[in-house]
Amino acid sequence: MNYYAELYGAMRKNIEPHAVHLDPANLHLLDDMSFVFICIDSGAAKLPIFEKLQADGIPFVDVGMGIQQVDDKLLGILRVTASTPDKSEHVKDRVSLADGAEDAAYSTNIQIADLNALNASLAVIKWKKLFGFYVDLENEHSSNYTLDGNIINNSDKPKS
């Protein structure tokens, strides 16, 4: 954890590492955040984080993926779900809070690295849209990228 803080500290200011897992006892670590990226495998661990951030009006992006291996090839969907003070009720419908069994395709396949990188890039792009770096005509709060068709579907737009 400190290694990355030192590495990225040369490019960014105010990086403050916290070498702990977030749980209900230390959610106060989120109090001063202006935005949070969430990439946690445990669905149960997400719920108190979501509740805290939404109660405090702190926007966030949660990412996830469902991957299967078929005939030694991967297929699946990458998900990016944003929550903002203007639009948050969809999160419970988009993000699974269940703790499933260890996914062999996810935990044993080297290609997961590129899919994680793509999902992270999509999350950063959504953050940049929310904060005005990119035009966001659709203002979607949930996107799914389907690997086999190279398709991105957007949904969950705030009501005007």
N, C-alpha and C. Protein backbone atom coordinates (compact mmCIF):
# COMPACT_ATOMS: atom_id res chain seq x y z
N MET A 1 0.83 -1.18 0.00
CA MET A 1 0.00 0.00 0.00
C MET A 1 0.88 1.25 0.00
N ASN A 2 1.84 1.33 0.88
CA ASN A 2 2.73 2.49 0.93
C ASN A 2 3.57 2.60 -0.33
N TYR A 3 3.90 1.46 -0.94
CA TYR A 3 4.67 1.45 -2.17
C TYR A 3 3.96 2.28 -3.24
N TYR A 4 2.67 2.05 -3.42
CA TYR A 4 1.90 2.77 -4.44
C TYR A 4 1.75 4.24 -4.09
N ALA A 5 1.60 4.55 -2.82
CA ALA A 5 1.52 5.95 -2.40
C ALA A 5 2.81 6.69 -2.76
N GLU A 6 3.93 6.04 -2.54
CA GLU A 6 5.21 6.66 -2.90
C GLU A 6 5.37 6.78 -4.42
N LEU A 7 5.00 5.72 -5.13
CA LEU A 7 5.13 5.72 -6.58
C LEU A 7 4.29 6.83 -7.21
N TYR A 8 3.00 6.89 -6.84
CA TYR A 8 2.11 7.88 -7.44
C TYR A 8 2.23 9.24 -6.78
N GLY A 9 2.84 9.31 -5.62
CA GLY A 9 3.06 10.59 -4.95
C GLY A 9 3.95 11.52 -5.75
N ALA A 10 4.77 10.96 -6.64
CA ALA A 10 5.61 11.79 -7.50
C ALA A 10 4.77 12.53 -8.54
N MET A 11 3.57 12.01 -8.84
CA MET A 11 2.70 12.62 -9.85
C MET A 11 1.49 13.31 -9.25
N ARG A 12 1.06 12.90 -8.08
CA ARG A 12 -0.17 13.41 -7.47
C ARG A 12 0.09 13.83 -6.04
N LYS A 13 -0.64 14.83 -5.58
CA LYS A 13 -0.51 15.29 -4.21
C LYS A 13 -1.61 14.67 -3.35
N ASN A 14 -1.39 14.67 -2.06
CA ASN A 14 -2.38 14.28 -1.06
C ASN A 14 -2.82 12.82 -1.13
N ILE A 15 -1.93 11.94 -1.56
CA ILE A 15 -2.25 10.52 -1.52
C ILE A 15 -2.00 10.06 -0.09
N GLU A 16 -3.03 9.48 0.50
CA GLU A 16 -2.94 9.04 1.88
C GLU A 16 -3.34 7.56 1.95
N PRO A 17 -2.38 6.66 2.06
CA PRO A 17 -2.72 5.23 2.07
C PRO A 17 -3.35 4.82 3.40
N HIS A 18 -4.25 3.87 3.30
CA HIS A 18 -4.89 3.27 4.48
C HIS A 18 -4.81 1.76 4.28
N ALA A 19 -3.91 1.11 4.95
CA ALA A 19 -3.69 -0.33 4.78
C ALA A 19 -4.67 -1.12 5.64
N VAL A 20 -5.96 -0.89 5.40
CA VAL A 20 -7.02 -1.59 6.12
C VAL A 20 -8.13 -1.95 5.14
N HIS A 21 -8.91 -2.94 5.50
CA HIS A 21 -10.13 -3.24 4.76
C HIS A 21 -11.24 -2.40 5.37
N LEU A 22 -12.04 -1.76 4.52
CA LEU A 22 -13.15 -0.98 5.04
C LEU A 22 -14.18 -1.92 5.64
N ASP A 23 -14.67 -1.56 6.80
CA ASP A 23 -15.77 -2.28 7.44
C ASP A 23 -16.56 -1.27 8.27
N PRO A 24 -17.68 -1.65 8.83
CA PRO A 24 -18.50 -0.67 9.57
C PRO A 24 -17.74 0.08 10.67
N ALA A 25 -16.69 -0.51 11.21
CA ALA A 25 -15.95 0.13 12.30
C ALA A 25 -15.04 1.27 11.82
N ASN A 26 -14.67 1.28 10.53
CA ASN A 26 -13.74 2.32 10.08
C ASN A 26 -14.26 3.10 8.87
N LEU A 27 -15.55 3.11 8.66
CA LEU A 27 -16.11 3.85 7.53
C LEU A 27 -15.89 5.36 7.65
N HIS A 28 -15.52 5.82 8.83
CA HIS A 28 -15.19 7.24 9.00
C HIS A 28 -14.03 7.67 8.09
N LEU A 29 -13.24 6.71 7.60
CA LEU A 29 -12.15 7.03 6.68
C LEU A 29 -12.68 7.66 5.39
N LEU A 30 -13.96 7.48 5.11
CA LEU A 30 -14.57 8.02 3.90
C LEU A 30 -15.11 9.44 4.09
N ASP A 31 -15.11 9.94 5.32
CA ASP A 31 -15.78 11.20 5.65
C ASP A 31 -15.33 12.38 4.79
N ASP A 32 -14.06 12.49 4.50
CA ASP A 32 -13.55 13.66 3.78
C ASP A 32 -13.40 13.44 2.27
N MET A 33 -13.91 12.34 1.78
CA MET A 33 -13.78 12.03 0.36
C MET A 33 -14.74 12.87 -0.47
N SER A 34 -14.31 13.27 -1.65
CA SER A 34 -15.19 13.96 -2.58
C SER A 34 -15.70 13.01 -3.66
N PHE A 35 -15.04 11.87 -3.81
CA PHE A 35 -15.45 10.84 -4.77
C PHE A 35 -14.74 9.54 -4.37
N VAL A 36 -15.41 8.40 -4.62
CA VAL A 36 -14.83 7.12 -4.25
C VAL A 36 -15.00 6.13 -5.41
N PHE A 37 -13.94 5.41 -5.72
CA PHE A 37 -13.99 4.29 -6.66
C PHE A 37 -14.06 3.01 -5.83
N ILE A 38 -15.00 2.13 -6.16
CA ILE A 38 -15.17 0.89 -5.41
C ILE A 38 -14.95 -0.28 -6.36
N CYS A 39 -14.02 -1.15 -6.00
CA CYS A 39 -13.77 -2.37 -6.78
C CYS A 39 -13.49 -3.49 -5.78
N ILE A 40 -14.56 -3.99 -5.20
CA ILE A 40 -14.49 -5.01 -4.15
C ILE A 40 -15.24 -6.24 -4.62
N ASP A 41 -14.64 -7.41 -4.44
CA ASP A 41 -15.31 -8.65 -4.83
C ASP A 41 -16.46 -9.01 -3.91
N SER A 42 -16.35 -8.72 -2.64
CA SER A 42 -17.36 -9.11 -1.65
C SER A 42 -18.58 -8.21 -1.72
N GLY A 43 -19.71 -8.78 -2.11
CA GLY A 43 -20.95 -8.02 -2.15
C GLY A 43 -21.39 -7.54 -0.78
N ALA A 44 -21.23 -8.38 0.22
CA ALA A 44 -21.64 -8.02 1.58
C ALA A 44 -20.82 -6.84 2.10
N ALA A 45 -19.56 -6.74 1.72
CA ALA A 45 -18.71 -5.64 2.18
C ALA A 45 -19.13 -4.32 1.54
N LYS A 46 -19.77 -4.36 0.37
CA LYS A 46 -20.16 -3.15 -0.33
C LYS A 46 -21.32 -2.42 0.34
N LEU A 47 -22.27 -3.15 0.88
CA LEU A 47 -23.50 -2.53 1.37
C LEU A 47 -23.25 -1.41 2.38
N PRO A 48 -22.47 -1.62 3.45
CA PRO A 48 -22.27 -0.51 4.39
C PRO A 48 -21.52 0.67 3.76
N ILE A 49 -20.65 0.39 2.80
CA ILE A 49 -19.93 1.46 2.11
C ILE A 49 -20.92 2.28 1.28
N PHE A 50 -21.77 1.60 0.51
CA PHE A 50 -22.78 2.29 -0.29
C PHE A 50 -23.68 3.14 0.59
N GLU A 51 -24.16 2.55 1.68
CA GLU A 51 -25.07 3.27 2.57
C GLU A 51 -24.41 4.52 3.14
N LYS A 52 -23.18 4.41 3.56
CA LYS A 52 -22.44 5.54 4.12
C LYS A 52 -22.26 6.64 3.08
N LEU A 53 -21.79 6.27 1.90
CA LEU A 53 -21.53 7.26 0.86
C LEU A 53 -22.82 7.94 0.41
N GLN A 54 -23.88 7.16 0.23
CA GLN A 54 -25.15 7.75 -0.20
C GLN A 54 -25.74 8.65 0.88
N ALA A 55 -25.66 8.25 2.13
CA ALA A 55 -26.17 9.07 3.23
C ALA A 55 -25.41 10.40 3.33
N ASP A 56 -24.13 10.36 3.02
CA ASP A 56 -23.30 11.57 3.10
C ASP A 56 -23.26 12.37 1.80
N GLY A 57 -23.96 11.87 0.76
CA GLY A 57 -23.99 12.58 -0.51
C GLY A 57 -22.68 12.54 -1.27
N ILE A 58 -21.87 11.52 -1.03
CA ILE A 58 -20.58 11.39 -1.70
C ILE A 58 -20.77 10.52 -2.94
N PRO A 59 -20.49 11.05 -4.12
CA PRO A 59 -20.64 10.25 -5.34
C PRO A 59 -19.58 9.15 -5.41
N PHE A 60 -19.94 8.06 -6.09
CA PHE A 60 -18.99 6.96 -6.25
C PHE A 60 -19.29 6.20 -7.53
N VAL A 61 -18.31 5.42 -7.94
CA VAL A 61 -18.46 4.47 -9.04
C VAL A 61 -18.06 3.10 -8.51
N ASP A 62 -18.91 2.13 -8.76
CA ASP A 62 -18.62 0.74 -8.43
C ASP A 62 -18.46 -0.03 -9.73
N VAL A 63 -17.45 -0.90 -9.79
CA VAL A 63 -17.23 -1.71 -10.98
C VAL A 63 -17.35 -3.19 -10.63
N GLY A 64 -17.71 -3.96 -11.62
CA GLY A 64 -17.80 -5.40 -11.43
C GLY A 64 -17.76 -6.10 -12.77
N MET A 65 -17.61 -7.39 -12.72
CA MET A 65 -17.63 -8.16 -13.96
C MET A 65 -18.12 -9.57 -13.70
N GLY A 66 -18.77 -10.11 -14.70
CA GLY A 66 -19.18 -11.50 -14.71
C GLY A 66 -18.51 -12.16 -15.90
N ILE A 67 -17.64 -13.11 -15.64
CA ILE A 67 -16.84 -13.73 -16.69
C ILE A 67 -17.05 -15.24 -16.64
N GLN A 68 -17.17 -15.83 -17.81
CA GLN A 68 -17.26 -17.28 -17.93
C GLN A 68 -16.23 -17.74 -18.95
N GLN A 69 -15.80 -18.99 -18.77
CA GLN A 69 -14.88 -19.57 -19.74
C GLN A 69 -15.63 -20.65 -20.50
N VAL A 70 -15.63 -20.52 -21.83
CA VAL A 70 -16.30 -21.48 -22.70
C VAL A 70 -15.31 -21.89 -23.78
N ASP A 71 -15.03 -23.18 -23.85
CA ASP A 71 -14.08 -23.70 -24.84
C ASP A 71 -12.76 -22.94 -24.81
N ASP A 72 -12.22 -22.74 -23.62
CA ASP A 72 -10.94 -22.04 -23.41
C ASP A 72 -10.95 -20.58 -23.86
N LYS A 73 -12.13 -20.00 -24.00
CA LYS A 73 -12.25 -18.58 -24.33
C LYS A 73 -13.14 -17.92 -23.30
N LEU A 74 -12.90 -16.63 -23.08
CA LEU A 74 -13.68 -15.90 -22.09
C LEU A 74 -14.83 -15.15 -22.75
N LEU A 75 -15.94 -15.09 -22.05
CA LEU A 75 -17.03 -14.21 -22.41
C LEU A 75 -17.56 -13.60 -21.13
N GLY A 76 -18.21 -12.46 -21.27
CA GLY A 76 -18.74 -11.85 -20.07
C GLY A 76 -19.10 -10.40 -20.26
N ILE A 77 -19.41 -9.78 -19.13
CA ILE A 77 -19.87 -8.39 -19.11
C ILE A 77 -19.10 -7.64 -18.03
N LEU A 78 -18.63 -6.44 -18.37
CA LEU A 78 -18.03 -5.52 -17.41
C LEU A 78 -19.08 -4.47 -17.07
N ARG A 79 -19.19 -4.12 -15.78
CA ARG A 79 -20.21 -3.18 -15.33
C ARG A 79 -19.57 -1.99 -14.63
N VAL A 80 -20.07 -0.79 -14.95
CA VAL A 80 -19.69 0.44 -14.27
C VAL A 80 -20.98 1.10 -13.81
N THR A 81 -21.13 1.28 -12.50
CA THR A 81 -22.34 1.86 -11.93
C THR A 81 -21.96 3.07 -11.09
N ALA A 82 -22.53 4.22 -11.43
CA ALA A 82 -22.27 5.46 -10.70
C ALA A 82 -23.44 5.76 -9.77
N SER A 83 -23.11 6.36 -8.64
CA SER A 83 -24.12 6.86 -7.70
C SER A 83 -23.77 8.32 -7.41
N THR A 84 -24.77 9.19 -7.56
CA THR A 84 -24.59 10.61 -7.28
C THR A 84 -25.74 11.07 -6.40
N PRO A 85 -25.62 12.23 -5.79
CA PRO A 85 -26.75 12.73 -5.00
C PRO A 85 -28.04 12.85 -5.83
N ASP A 86 -27.92 13.08 -7.14
CA ASP A 86 -29.09 13.19 -8.01
C ASP A 86 -29.66 11.85 -8.47
N LYS A 87 -28.85 10.80 -8.40
CA LYS A 87 -29.29 9.50 -8.93
C LYS A 87 -28.56 8.39 -8.19
N SER A 88 -29.27 7.70 -7.30
CA SER A 88 -28.62 6.63 -6.54
C SER A 88 -29.49 5.39 -6.34
N GLU A 89 -30.79 5.51 -6.56
CA GLU A 89 -31.69 4.38 -6.24
C GLU A 89 -31.47 3.16 -7.13
N HIS A 90 -30.87 3.32 -8.29
CA HIS A 90 -30.64 2.22 -9.22
C HIS A 90 -29.53 1.28 -8.75
N VAL A 91 -28.67 1.71 -7.86
CA VAL A 91 -27.51 0.93 -7.45
C VAL A 91 -27.93 -0.44 -6.92
N LYS A 92 -28.97 -0.47 -6.11
CA LYS A 92 -29.42 -1.75 -5.53
C LYS A 92 -29.90 -2.74 -6.60
N ASP A 93 -30.32 -2.22 -7.76
CA ASP A 93 -30.76 -3.09 -8.85
C ASP A 93 -29.62 -3.51 -9.77
N ARG A 94 -28.53 -2.78 -9.77
CA ARG A 94 -27.43 -3.03 -10.70
C ARG A 94 -26.27 -3.80 -10.08
N VAL A 95 -26.07 -3.64 -8.79
CA VAL A 95 -24.90 -4.23 -8.13
C VAL A 95 -25.34 -5.38 -7.26
N SER A 96 -24.78 -6.55 -7.51
CA SER A 96 -25.08 -7.70 -6.66
C SER A 96 -24.37 -7.55 -5.32
N LEU A 97 -25.12 -7.74 -4.26
CA LEU A 97 -24.54 -7.68 -2.92
C LEU A 97 -24.35 -9.08 -2.34
N ALA A 98 -24.53 -10.09 -3.19
CA ALA A 98 -24.35 -11.48 -2.76
C ALA A 98 -22.87 -11.82 -2.80
N ASP A 99 -22.48 -12.72 -1.94
CA ASP A 99 -21.12 -13.26 -1.97
C ASP A 99 -21.19 -14.63 -2.62
N GLY A 100 -20.74 -14.68 -3.86
CA GLY A 100 -20.77 -15.94 -4.58
C GLY A 100 -19.53 -16.76 -4.35
N ALA A 101 -19.53 -17.92 -4.92
CA ALA A 101 -18.35 -18.80 -4.84
C ALA A 101 -17.23 -18.21 -5.68
N GLU A 102 -16.02 -18.58 -5.37
CA GLU A 102 -14.85 -18.13 -6.14
C GLU A 102 -15.04 -18.51 -7.60
N ASP A 103 -14.89 -17.55 -8.48
CA ASP A 103 -15.07 -17.76 -9.91
C ASP A 103 -13.73 -18.19 -10.51
N ALA A 104 -13.66 -19.44 -10.98
CA ALA A 104 -12.41 -19.97 -11.53
C ALA A 104 -11.95 -19.19 -12.74
N ALA A 105 -12.88 -18.78 -13.62
CA ALA A 105 -12.49 -18.02 -14.81
C ALA A 105 -11.85 -16.70 -14.41
N TYR A 106 -12.34 -16.09 -13.34
CA TYR A 106 -11.81 -14.81 -12.89
C TYR A 106 -10.47 -14.98 -12.17
N SER A 107 -10.38 -15.97 -11.32
CA SER A 107 -9.20 -16.09 -10.45
C SER A 107 -8.02 -16.82 -11.09
N THR A 108 -8.20 -17.46 -12.22
CA THR A 108 -7.11 -18.25 -12.78
C THR A 108 -6.71 -17.87 -14.21
N ASN A 109 -7.34 -16.85 -14.79
CA ASN A 109 -7.07 -16.53 -16.18
C ASN A 109 -6.30 -15.22 -16.30
N ILE A 110 -5.19 -15.25 -16.99
CA ILE A 110 -4.32 -14.08 -17.12
C ILE A 110 -5.01 -12.94 -17.87
N GLN A 111 -5.99 -13.25 -18.73
CA GLN A 111 -6.68 -12.21 -19.49
C GLN A 111 -7.52 -11.29 -18.59
N ILE A 112 -7.79 -11.70 -17.38
CA ILE A 112 -8.56 -10.87 -16.46
C ILE A 112 -7.84 -9.53 -16.23
N ALA A 113 -6.52 -9.51 -16.34
CA ALA A 113 -5.77 -8.26 -16.15
C ALA A 113 -6.22 -7.20 -17.14
N ASP A 114 -6.38 -7.56 -18.44
CA ASP A 114 -6.82 -6.54 -19.40
C ASP A 114 -8.25 -6.12 -19.15
N LEU A 115 -9.10 -7.07 -18.74
CA LEU A 115 -10.50 -6.72 -18.46
C LEU A 115 -10.60 -5.81 -17.24
N ASN A 116 -9.79 -6.07 -16.23
CA ASN A 116 -9.75 -5.17 -15.07
C ASN A 116 -9.26 -3.79 -15.48
N ALA A 117 -8.27 -3.74 -16.35
CA ALA A 117 -7.76 -2.44 -16.82
C ALA A 117 -8.83 -1.68 -17.60
N LEU A 118 -9.56 -2.39 -18.46
CA LEU A 118 -10.64 -1.74 -19.21
C LEU A 118 -11.73 -1.25 -18.26
N ASN A 119 -12.11 -2.08 -17.30
CA ASN A 119 -13.14 -1.67 -16.35
C ASN A 119 -12.70 -0.45 -15.55
N ALA A 120 -11.44 -0.42 -15.15
CA ALA A 120 -10.91 0.74 -14.42
C ALA A 120 -10.93 1.98 -15.32
N SER A 121 -10.56 1.82 -16.57
CA SER A 121 -10.59 2.96 -17.50
C SER A 121 -12.00 3.48 -17.70
N LEU A 122 -12.96 2.59 -17.84
CA LEU A 122 -14.36 3.01 -17.98
C LEU A 122 -14.83 3.75 -16.73
N ALA A 123 -14.38 3.30 -15.56
CA ALA A 123 -14.75 3.97 -14.31
C ALA A 123 -14.15 5.38 -14.25
N VAL A 124 -12.91 5.52 -14.66
CA VAL A 124 -12.27 6.84 -14.65
C VAL A 124 -12.95 7.76 -15.66
N ILE A 125 -13.31 7.23 -16.82
CA ILE A 125 -14.02 8.04 -17.81
C ILE A 125 -15.35 8.52 -17.25
N LYS A 126 -16.07 7.65 -16.53
CA LYS A 126 -17.34 8.07 -15.93
C LYS A 126 -17.09 9.17 -14.90
N TRP A 127 -16.06 9.03 -14.08
CA TRP A 127 -15.71 10.07 -13.11
C TRP A 127 -15.44 11.39 -13.84
N LYS A 128 -14.68 11.33 -14.92
CA LYS A 128 -14.34 12.53 -15.67
C LYS A 128 -15.58 13.15 -16.32
N LYS A 129 -16.54 12.33 -16.71
CA LYS A 129 -17.80 12.86 -17.22
C LYS A 129 -18.56 13.58 -16.11
N LEU A 130 -18.64 12.95 -14.95
CA LEU A 130 -19.36 13.55 -13.82
C LEU A 130 -18.76 14.89 -13.39
N PHE A 131 -17.46 15.03 -13.52
CA PHE A 131 -16.79 16.23 -13.07
C PHE A 131 -16.46 17.20 -14.20
N GLY A 132 -17.05 16.96 -15.39
CA GLY A 132 -16.99 17.94 -16.46
C GLY A 132 -15.76 17.94 -17.35
N PHE A 133 -14.95 16.91 -17.28
CA PHE A 133 -13.80 16.84 -18.18
C PHE A 133 -14.22 16.40 -19.58
N TYR A 134 -15.29 15.60 -19.65
CA TYR A 134 -15.82 15.11 -20.92
C TYR A 134 -17.29 15.50 -21.02
N VAL A 135 -17.74 15.74 -22.24
CA VAL A 135 -19.17 15.95 -22.48
C VAL A 135 -19.90 14.66 -22.14
N ASP A 136 -21.06 14.80 -21.50
CA ASP A 136 -21.85 13.63 -21.12
C ASP A 136 -23.31 13.89 -21.48
N LEU A 137 -23.64 13.71 -22.75
CA LEU A 137 -24.99 13.99 -23.22
C LEU A 137 -26.02 13.00 -22.67
N GLU A 138 -25.62 11.77 -22.43
CA GLU A 138 -26.57 10.76 -21.94
C GLU A 138 -26.71 10.78 -20.43
N ASN A 139 -25.64 11.14 -19.71
CA ASN A 139 -25.65 11.17 -18.25
C ASN A 139 -26.08 9.82 -17.65
N GLU A 140 -25.66 8.76 -18.31
CA GLU A 140 -25.96 7.42 -17.80
C GLU A 140 -25.27 7.19 -16.46
N HIS A 141 -25.90 6.41 -15.62
CA HIS A 141 -25.31 6.07 -14.33
C HIS A 141 -24.98 4.58 -14.24
N SER A 142 -25.23 3.86 -15.32
CA SER A 142 -24.85 2.45 -15.37
C SER A 142 -24.53 2.09 -16.81
N SER A 143 -23.40 1.40 -16.98
CA SER A 143 -22.99 0.95 -18.30
C SER A 143 -22.53 -0.50 -18.20
N ASN A 144 -22.87 -1.26 -19.22
CA ASN A 144 -22.41 -2.65 -19.31
C ASN A 144 -21.70 -2.84 -20.64
N TYR A 145 -20.48 -3.30 -20.56
CA TYR A 145 -19.71 -3.62 -21.76
C TYR A 145 -19.76 -5.13 -21.95
N THR A 146 -20.30 -5.56 -23.09
CA THR A 146 -20.39 -6.98 -23.42
C THR A 146 -19.19 -7.36 -24.28
N LEU A 147 -18.39 -8.27 -23.77
CA LEU A 147 -17.12 -8.62 -24.39
C LEU A 147 -17.28 -9.21 -25.79
N ASP A 148 -18.16 -10.19 -25.95
CA ASP A 148 -18.21 -10.89 -27.23
C ASP A 148 -18.78 -10.04 -28.37
N GLY A 149 -19.58 -9.05 -28.08
CA GLY A 149 -20.13 -8.20 -29.13
C GLY A 149 -19.49 -6.82 -29.18
N ASN A 150 -18.58 -6.54 -28.22
CA ASN A 150 -17.93 -5.23 -28.13
C ASN A 150 -18.98 -4.11 -28.08
N ILE A 151 -19.99 -4.31 -27.22
CA ILE A 151 -21.12 -3.40 -27.13
C ILE A 151 -21.17 -2.77 -25.74
N ILE A 152 -21.43 -1.47 -25.69
CA ILE A 152 -21.67 -0.80 -24.41
C ILE A 152 -23.12 -0.35 -24.38
N ASN A 153 -23.86 -0.83 -23.37
CA ASN A 153 -25.24 -0.42 -23.15
C ASN A 153 -25.28 0.52 -21.95
N ASN A 154 -25.94 1.65 -22.12
CA ASN A 154 -26.08 2.64 -21.05
C ASN A 154 -27.51 2.65 -20.53
N SER A 155 -27.65 2.90 -19.22
CA SER A 155 -28.98 3.00 -18.62
C SER A 155 -28.92 3.87 -17.38
N ASP A 156 -30.05 4.00 -16.73
CA ASP A 156 -30.17 4.70 -15.46
C ASP A 156 -29.76 6.16 -15.57
N LYS A 157 -30.56 6.90 -16.29
CA LYS A 157 -30.33 8.33 -16.44
C LYS A 157 -31.21 9.08 -15.44
N PRO A 158 -30.69 10.14 -14.83
CA PRO A 158 -31.51 10.93 -13.91
C PRO A 158 -32.73 11.51 -14.62
N LYS A 159 -33.81 11.65 -13.89
CA LYS A 159 -35.01 12.28 -14.45
C LYS A 159 -34.76 13.78 -14.57
N SER A 160 -35.17 14.35 -15.66
CA SER A 160 -34.97 15.79 -15.87
C SER A 160 -35.99 16.61 -15.13
